[in-house]
Each structure stands twice: as structure tokens, then as C-alpha cells.
Amino acid sequence: MEKISANTNALNWFEIPVTDTARAKKFYETILDVQMESQEMMGMEMTMFPYDMQSNSGKVSGALVKGEMHKPGADGPVIYLNANPAIQTVVDKIEAAGGKVIMPRTLINEQIGYMAFFIDTEGNRLALHAAN
């Protein structure tokens, strides 16, 4: 395994804490228009974002996790989820799905694109990023 460099990801995996797996799964499937699979692992409920464990593509993914060491919160690190091809499409779904937009679509700069912040159904603060 390579150490962190300009050619590797600084992030390998992320976990978003949840208290209600079904509610959180519905929220993220709705806003990101994805299908997520749930499973029990090491005494935790885990709901996976799309990924291909067989591929060695270097793509990063993560999961919604309900477990003793996973407590939702609005403080701490911020994870930016991929909202391509159009961030506003995702932002427009957040409140109807039970979340709250706390920073609307905002231009970072022309080269980097746009960002937005939201609170999910579990009380976590997250962000979105997209080119448009």
C-alpha cells in the first residue's frame, strides 16, 4: 500500500454516524439518487455508499454506521460528498428529505467549483461539492 502522496487519496474510508439506519438510508438514497445496501458487521449496522471492493481503482467510499462508537454531531471534521453533475439538484432535495440546508450552493472558484453545507436527518453536518 502506498503512503499518502499527490498520487494517492488522503481519505481511505468514511463513516457517517446514525441513530436511525432506515431514516438515514432513505435520506441519502433520496438526495444522492443512489442505492445503498445494509449489513451487520462487527456488531454495527452499516449501510454502504456505492463501491466496488473487487476493483483496485483507488476510489474512496464509506458508510452510514449505527454503533456504540458512532454518535451523530454537527461539530468535527466535514465530509464533502460528490454532488456531480449539478450540486443544486442535490441541494433541492435535502429539506424535502428531512434535512436542513445551512449554506446554499456557493462558488468556491471557477477551477474548483461549488460547495454547500447541510444537516442530515441524524444531526450530522456534511457538505457537498460539484463542478457545477
N, C-alpha and C. Protein backbone atom coordinates (compact mmCIF):
# COMPACT_ATOMS: atom_id res chain seq x y z
N MET A 1 0.84 -1.19 0.00
CA MET A 1 0.00 0.00 0.00
C MET A 1 0.87 1.24 0.00
N GLU A 2 0.53 2.21 -0.85
CA GLU A 2 1.30 3.44 -0.95
C GLU A 2 0.99 4.40 0.19
N LYS A 3 1.99 5.15 0.60
CA LYS A 3 1.76 6.20 1.58
C LYS A 3 1.08 7.37 0.89
N ILE A 4 0.56 8.31 1.66
CA ILE A 4 -0.12 9.48 1.11
C ILE A 4 0.86 10.29 0.27
N SER A 5 0.41 10.62 -0.94
CA SER A 5 1.22 11.44 -1.85
C SER A 5 0.27 12.15 -2.80
N ALA A 6 0.81 12.89 -3.73
CA ALA A 6 -0.02 13.57 -4.73
C ALA A 6 -0.76 12.57 -5.62
N ASN A 7 -0.31 11.31 -5.65
CA ASN A 7 -0.93 10.28 -6.49
C ASN A 7 -1.87 9.35 -5.72
N THR A 8 -2.08 9.62 -4.43
CA THR A 8 -2.95 8.76 -3.62
C THR A 8 -4.02 9.58 -2.93
N ASN A 9 -5.03 8.92 -2.41
CA ASN A 9 -6.08 9.59 -1.64
C ASN A 9 -5.62 9.79 -0.20
N ALA A 10 -5.91 10.94 0.38
CA ALA A 10 -5.66 11.16 1.80
C ALA A 10 -6.75 10.46 2.62
N LEU A 11 -7.87 10.20 2.00
CA LEU A 11 -9.01 9.55 2.66
C LEU A 11 -9.18 8.15 2.09
N ASN A 12 -9.28 7.15 2.96
CA ASN A 12 -9.50 5.77 2.52
C ASN A 12 -10.95 5.34 2.66
N TRP A 13 -11.63 5.83 3.70
CA TRP A 13 -12.97 5.36 4.04
C TRP A 13 -13.58 6.39 4.96
N PHE A 14 -14.89 6.58 4.90
CA PHE A 14 -15.55 7.46 5.85
C PHE A 14 -16.77 6.76 6.43
N GLU A 15 -17.15 7.16 7.63
CA GLU A 15 -18.33 6.63 8.29
C GLU A 15 -19.14 7.80 8.84
N ILE A 16 -20.40 7.84 8.48
CA ILE A 16 -21.31 8.87 8.95
C ILE A 16 -22.18 8.24 10.04
N PRO A 17 -22.09 8.73 11.28
CA PRO A 17 -22.86 8.15 12.37
C PRO A 17 -24.36 8.38 12.21
N VAL A 18 -25.16 7.37 12.57
CA VAL A 18 -26.61 7.48 12.50
C VAL A 18 -27.23 6.88 13.74
N THR A 19 -28.45 7.33 14.07
CA THR A 19 -29.21 6.71 15.15
C THR A 19 -30.38 5.91 14.61
N ASP A 20 -30.83 6.23 13.40
CA ASP A 20 -31.94 5.52 12.76
C ASP A 20 -31.47 5.15 11.34
N THR A 21 -31.04 3.92 11.18
CA THR A 21 -30.46 3.47 9.92
C THR A 21 -31.43 3.62 8.75
N ALA A 22 -32.66 3.19 8.92
CA ALA A 22 -33.64 3.26 7.82
C ALA A 22 -33.90 4.69 7.39
N ARG A 23 -34.04 5.60 8.35
CA ARG A 23 -34.29 7.01 8.04
C ARG A 23 -33.10 7.62 7.30
N ALA A 24 -31.89 7.36 7.81
CA ALA A 24 -30.68 7.92 7.19
C ALA A 24 -30.48 7.33 5.79
N LYS A 25 -30.71 6.04 5.63
CA LYS A 25 -30.57 5.39 4.32
C LYS A 25 -31.52 6.03 3.32
N LYS A 26 -32.77 6.23 3.71
CA LYS A 26 -33.74 6.85 2.82
C LYS A 26 -33.31 8.27 2.44
N PHE A 27 -32.81 9.04 3.41
CA PHE A 27 -32.35 10.40 3.16
C PHE A 27 -31.25 10.43 2.11
N TYR A 28 -30.19 9.66 2.31
CA TYR A 28 -29.05 9.69 1.39
C TYR A 28 -29.39 9.08 0.03
N GLU A 29 -30.20 8.03 0.00
CA GLU A 29 -30.63 7.48 -1.29
C GLU A 29 -31.44 8.52 -2.07
N THR A 30 -32.26 9.29 -1.35
CA THR A 30 -33.09 10.30 -1.99
C THR A 30 -32.27 11.47 -2.53
N ILE A 31 -31.42 12.05 -1.71
CA ILE A 31 -30.71 13.25 -2.16
C ILE A 31 -29.62 12.96 -3.18
N LEU A 32 -28.98 11.78 -3.08
CA LEU A 32 -27.88 11.46 -4.00
C LEU A 32 -28.31 10.55 -5.15
N ASP A 33 -29.56 10.11 -5.13
CA ASP A 33 -30.10 9.25 -6.18
C ASP A 33 -29.22 8.00 -6.36
N VAL A 34 -28.99 7.30 -5.24
CA VAL A 34 -28.18 6.08 -5.24
C VAL A 34 -28.94 4.96 -4.52
N GLN A 35 -28.50 3.74 -4.72
CA GLN A 35 -28.99 2.60 -3.96
C GLN A 35 -27.91 2.20 -2.96
N MET A 36 -28.30 1.97 -1.71
CA MET A 36 -27.35 1.60 -0.68
C MET A 36 -27.75 0.25 -0.09
N GLU A 37 -26.77 -0.56 0.27
CA GLU A 37 -27.00 -1.87 0.86
C GLU A 37 -26.61 -1.85 2.32
N SER A 38 -27.46 -2.46 3.17
CA SER A 38 -27.20 -2.52 4.61
C SER A 38 -26.75 -3.92 5.00
N GLN A 39 -25.91 -3.97 6.04
CA GLN A 39 -25.49 -5.24 6.59
C GLN A 39 -25.04 -5.05 8.03
N GLU A 40 -25.00 -6.12 8.76
CA GLU A 40 -24.50 -6.15 10.13
C GLU A 40 -23.02 -6.51 10.05
N MET A 41 -22.17 -5.74 10.72
CA MET A 41 -20.74 -6.02 10.70
C MET A 41 -20.12 -5.62 12.02
N MET A 42 -19.47 -6.53 12.67
CA MET A 42 -18.77 -6.25 13.93
C MET A 42 -19.69 -5.59 14.96
N GLY A 43 -20.95 -6.04 15.02
CA GLY A 43 -21.90 -5.50 15.99
C GLY A 43 -22.47 -4.15 15.62
N MET A 44 -22.28 -3.71 14.38
CA MET A 44 -22.78 -2.41 13.94
C MET A 44 -23.69 -2.61 12.73
N GLU A 45 -24.64 -1.67 12.57
CA GLU A 45 -25.44 -1.62 11.34
C GLU A 45 -24.69 -0.71 10.38
N MET A 46 -24.35 -1.24 9.21
CA MET A 46 -23.61 -0.46 8.22
C MET A 46 -24.39 -0.43 6.92
N THR A 47 -24.54 0.76 6.36
CA THR A 47 -25.21 0.95 5.07
C THR A 47 -24.21 1.61 4.14
N MET A 48 -23.82 0.87 3.12
CA MET A 48 -22.71 1.27 2.26
C MET A 48 -23.12 2.19 1.12
N PHE A 49 -22.33 3.25 0.91
CA PHE A 49 -22.42 4.04 -0.30
C PHE A 49 -21.90 3.14 -1.43
N PRO A 50 -22.28 3.42 -2.68
CA PRO A 50 -21.82 2.57 -3.79
C PRO A 50 -20.29 2.46 -3.83
N TYR A 51 -19.81 1.23 -4.03
CA TYR A 51 -18.37 0.98 -4.13
C TYR A 51 -18.14 -0.36 -4.80
N ASP A 52 -16.92 -0.59 -5.23
CA ASP A 52 -16.54 -1.85 -5.84
C ASP A 52 -15.30 -2.35 -5.13
N MET A 53 -15.49 -3.27 -4.18
CA MET A 53 -14.38 -3.79 -3.40
C MET A 53 -13.44 -4.65 -4.24
N GLN A 54 -13.93 -5.21 -5.35
CA GLN A 54 -13.10 -6.07 -6.20
C GLN A 54 -12.13 -5.26 -7.04
N SER A 55 -12.51 -4.03 -7.34
CA SER A 55 -11.69 -3.17 -8.19
C SER A 55 -10.58 -2.54 -7.37
N ASN A 56 -9.46 -2.31 -7.98
CA ASN A 56 -8.36 -1.60 -7.33
C ASN A 56 -8.26 -0.20 -7.92
N SER A 57 -9.43 0.47 -8.05
CA SER A 57 -9.49 1.75 -8.73
C SER A 57 -8.99 2.92 -7.89
N GLY A 58 -8.90 2.73 -6.59
CA GLY A 58 -8.49 3.81 -5.72
C GLY A 58 -9.61 4.75 -5.34
N LYS A 59 -10.84 4.45 -5.75
CA LYS A 59 -11.99 5.28 -5.40
C LYS A 59 -12.31 5.12 -3.91
N VAL A 60 -12.66 6.22 -3.28
CA VAL A 60 -12.99 6.23 -1.85
C VAL A 60 -14.49 6.11 -1.68
N SER A 61 -14.91 5.36 -0.70
CA SER A 61 -16.32 5.27 -0.36
C SER A 61 -16.46 5.25 1.16
N GLY A 62 -17.68 4.98 1.62
CA GLY A 62 -17.92 4.96 3.05
C GLY A 62 -19.28 4.39 3.36
N ALA A 63 -19.73 4.61 4.60
CA ALA A 63 -20.97 4.01 5.04
C ALA A 63 -21.66 4.86 6.09
N LEU A 64 -22.96 4.64 6.21
CA LEU A 64 -23.73 5.12 7.35
C LEU A 64 -23.54 4.05 8.42
N VAL A 65 -23.27 4.44 9.66
CA VAL A 65 -22.98 3.44 10.68
C VAL A 65 -23.74 3.74 11.97
N LYS A 66 -24.46 2.72 12.47
CA LYS A 66 -25.09 2.79 13.77
C LYS A 66 -24.33 1.83 14.67
N GLY A 67 -23.69 2.39 15.67
CA GLY A 67 -22.89 1.58 16.57
C GLY A 67 -22.55 2.35 17.83
N GLU A 68 -22.04 1.64 18.80
CA GLU A 68 -21.73 2.23 20.10
C GLU A 68 -20.74 3.39 20.01
N MET A 69 -19.79 3.33 19.10
CA MET A 69 -18.78 4.37 18.98
C MET A 69 -19.12 5.41 17.92
N HIS A 70 -20.32 5.37 17.38
CA HIS A 70 -20.73 6.29 16.31
C HIS A 70 -21.89 7.15 16.78
N LYS A 71 -21.60 8.39 17.12
CA LYS A 71 -22.61 9.33 17.61
C LYS A 71 -22.71 10.52 16.66
N PRO A 72 -23.91 10.77 16.11
CA PRO A 72 -24.07 11.92 15.21
C PRO A 72 -23.73 13.24 15.90
N GLY A 73 -23.27 14.20 15.11
CA GLY A 73 -22.97 15.52 15.65
C GLY A 73 -22.69 16.52 14.55
N ALA A 74 -22.83 17.79 14.89
CA ALA A 74 -22.62 18.87 13.92
C ALA A 74 -21.25 19.51 14.06
N ASP A 75 -20.41 18.99 14.94
CA ASP A 75 -19.06 19.52 15.14
C ASP A 75 -18.06 18.48 14.66
N GLY A 76 -16.87 18.91 14.36
CA GLY A 76 -15.84 17.98 13.94
C GLY A 76 -15.55 18.05 12.46
N PRO A 77 -14.87 17.06 11.93
CA PRO A 77 -14.49 17.07 10.52
C PRO A 77 -15.70 17.16 9.59
N VAL A 78 -15.49 17.74 8.43
CA VAL A 78 -16.56 17.87 7.43
C VAL A 78 -16.22 16.96 6.25
N ILE A 79 -17.16 16.14 5.87
CA ILE A 79 -17.02 15.28 4.70
C ILE A 79 -17.77 15.93 3.55
N TYR A 80 -17.11 16.06 2.40
CA TYR A 80 -17.74 16.60 1.20
C TYR A 80 -18.16 15.44 0.32
N LEU A 81 -19.46 15.28 0.10
CA LEU A 81 -19.97 14.24 -0.77
C LEU A 81 -20.04 14.74 -2.20
N ASN A 82 -19.86 13.84 -3.14
CA ASN A 82 -19.86 14.17 -4.55
C ASN A 82 -21.28 14.47 -5.02
N ALA A 83 -21.53 15.69 -5.46
CA ALA A 83 -22.85 16.10 -5.94
C ALA A 83 -22.86 16.35 -7.44
N ASN A 84 -21.88 15.82 -8.16
CA ASN A 84 -21.85 15.96 -9.62
C ASN A 84 -23.00 15.19 -10.23
N PRO A 85 -23.57 15.62 -11.33
CA PRO A 85 -23.06 16.67 -12.20
C PRO A 85 -23.54 18.08 -11.84
N ALA A 86 -24.56 18.21 -10.97
CA ALA A 86 -25.09 19.54 -10.64
C ALA A 86 -25.47 19.60 -9.16
N ILE A 87 -24.74 20.38 -8.40
CA ILE A 87 -24.94 20.45 -6.96
C ILE A 87 -26.35 20.91 -6.58
N GLN A 88 -26.93 21.84 -7.34
CA GLN A 88 -28.24 22.36 -6.99
C GLN A 88 -29.31 21.28 -7.02
N THR A 89 -29.16 20.30 -7.89
CA THR A 89 -30.11 19.17 -7.95
C THR A 89 -30.15 18.45 -6.62
N VAL A 90 -28.99 18.25 -6.00
CA VAL A 90 -28.91 17.59 -4.70
C VAL A 90 -29.43 18.51 -3.60
N VAL A 91 -28.98 19.76 -3.60
CA VAL A 91 -29.41 20.74 -2.58
C VAL A 91 -30.94 20.84 -2.54
N ASP A 92 -31.56 20.84 -3.71
CA ASP A 92 -33.02 20.98 -3.79
C ASP A 92 -33.77 19.82 -3.15
N LYS A 93 -33.12 18.68 -2.94
CA LYS A 93 -33.78 17.50 -2.36
C LYS A 93 -33.63 17.41 -0.83
N ILE A 94 -32.70 18.16 -0.27
CA ILE A 94 -32.32 17.99 1.14
C ILE A 94 -33.47 18.25 2.10
N GLU A 95 -34.12 19.39 2.02
CA GLU A 95 -35.16 19.71 3.00
C GLU A 95 -36.39 18.84 2.84
N ALA A 96 -36.77 18.51 1.61
CA ALA A 96 -37.91 17.63 1.39
C ALA A 96 -37.64 16.23 1.93
N ALA A 97 -36.36 15.83 2.00
CA ALA A 97 -35.99 14.51 2.51
C ALA A 97 -35.77 14.51 4.02
N GLY A 98 -35.95 15.67 4.68
CA GLY A 98 -35.84 15.73 6.13
C GLY A 98 -34.59 16.38 6.67
N GLY A 99 -33.71 16.88 5.80
CA GLY A 99 -32.50 17.56 6.24
C GLY A 99 -32.70 19.07 6.25
N LYS A 100 -31.59 19.81 6.47
CA LYS A 100 -31.65 21.26 6.51
C LYS A 100 -30.42 21.83 5.80
N VAL A 101 -30.65 22.68 4.82
CA VAL A 101 -29.54 23.36 4.13
C VAL A 101 -29.07 24.49 5.03
N ILE A 102 -27.78 24.51 5.37
CA ILE A 102 -27.26 25.58 6.23
C ILE A 102 -26.34 26.53 5.47
N MET A 103 -25.89 26.15 4.28
CA MET A 103 -25.19 27.05 3.37
C MET A 103 -25.58 26.62 1.96
N PRO A 104 -26.24 27.49 1.21
CA PRO A 104 -26.67 27.12 -0.14
C PRO A 104 -25.49 26.95 -1.09
N ARG A 105 -25.79 26.55 -2.29
CA ARG A 105 -24.78 26.42 -3.35
C ARG A 105 -23.95 27.70 -3.40
N THR A 106 -22.65 27.55 -3.23
CA THR A 106 -21.74 28.69 -3.15
C THR A 106 -20.52 28.42 -4.01
N LEU A 107 -20.15 29.38 -4.85
CA LEU A 107 -18.98 29.23 -5.70
C LEU A 107 -17.71 29.32 -4.85
N ILE A 108 -16.85 28.32 -4.97
CA ILE A 108 -15.53 28.38 -4.34
C ILE A 108 -14.65 29.21 -5.27
N ASN A 109 -14.45 28.72 -6.49
CA ASN A 109 -13.86 29.48 -7.60
C ASN A 109 -14.11 28.67 -8.87
N GLU A 110 -13.82 29.26 -10.00
CA GLU A 110 -14.15 28.62 -11.29
C GLU A 110 -13.43 27.28 -11.48
N GLN A 111 -12.23 27.14 -10.98
CA GLN A 111 -11.47 25.90 -11.16
C GLN A 111 -11.96 24.78 -10.22
N ILE A 112 -12.35 25.13 -9.02
CA ILE A 112 -12.74 24.12 -8.02
C ILE A 112 -14.22 23.80 -8.09
N GLY A 113 -15.06 24.77 -8.34
CA GLY A 113 -16.49 24.54 -8.44
C GLY A 113 -17.27 25.07 -7.26
N TYR A 114 -18.31 24.34 -6.86
CA TYR A 114 -19.27 24.80 -5.87
C TYR A 114 -19.33 23.90 -4.65
N MET A 115 -19.79 24.48 -3.54
CA MET A 115 -19.98 23.73 -2.31
C MET A 115 -21.30 24.15 -1.67
N ALA A 116 -21.80 23.31 -0.77
CA ALA A 116 -22.98 23.61 0.04
C ALA A 116 -22.86 22.80 1.33
N PHE A 117 -23.44 23.29 2.42
CA PHE A 117 -23.43 22.58 3.69
C PHE A 117 -24.86 22.23 4.07
N PHE A 118 -25.03 21.09 4.76
CA PHE A 118 -26.35 20.69 5.23
C PHE A 118 -26.25 19.88 6.51
N ILE A 119 -27.39 19.78 7.21
CA ILE A 119 -27.54 18.90 8.36
C ILE A 119 -28.42 17.75 7.90
N ASP A 120 -27.96 16.52 8.12
CA ASP A 120 -28.76 15.37 7.69
C ASP A 120 -29.84 15.03 8.71
N THR A 121 -30.59 13.97 8.47
CA THR A 121 -31.69 13.59 9.37
C THR A 121 -31.20 13.15 10.74
N GLU A 122 -29.92 12.86 10.86
CA GLU A 122 -29.36 12.38 12.13
C GLU A 122 -28.70 13.48 12.94
N GLY A 123 -28.59 14.69 12.37
CA GLY A 123 -27.96 15.81 13.07
C GLY A 123 -26.51 16.02 12.70
N ASN A 124 -26.02 15.30 11.68
CA ASN A 124 -24.64 15.47 11.22
C ASN A 124 -24.53 16.65 10.25
N ARG A 125 -23.45 17.41 10.37
CA ARG A 125 -23.16 18.47 9.40
C ARG A 125 -22.26 17.87 8.34
N LEU A 126 -22.69 17.97 7.09
CA LEU A 126 -21.91 17.49 5.95
C LEU A 126 -21.90 18.55 4.88
N ALA A 127 -21.14 18.28 3.83
CA ALA A 127 -21.05 19.22 2.72
C ALA A 127 -21.16 18.48 1.40
N LEU A 128 -21.41 19.25 0.38
CA LEU A 128 -21.47 18.75 -1.00
C LEU A 128 -20.45 19.50 -1.83
N HIS A 129 -19.95 18.86 -2.87
CA HIS A 129 -19.07 19.53 -3.82
C HIS A 129 -19.41 19.06 -5.22
N ALA A 130 -19.37 19.97 -6.17
CA ALA A 130 -19.58 19.63 -7.59
C ALA A 130 -18.95 20.71 -8.46
N ALA A 131 -18.66 20.32 -9.68
CA ALA A 131 -18.10 21.29 -10.63
C ALA A 131 -19.11 22.34 -11.02
N ASN A 132 -20.40 21.97 -11.07
CA ASN A 132 -21.48 22.90 -11.45
C ASN A 132 -22.54 22.98 -10.39
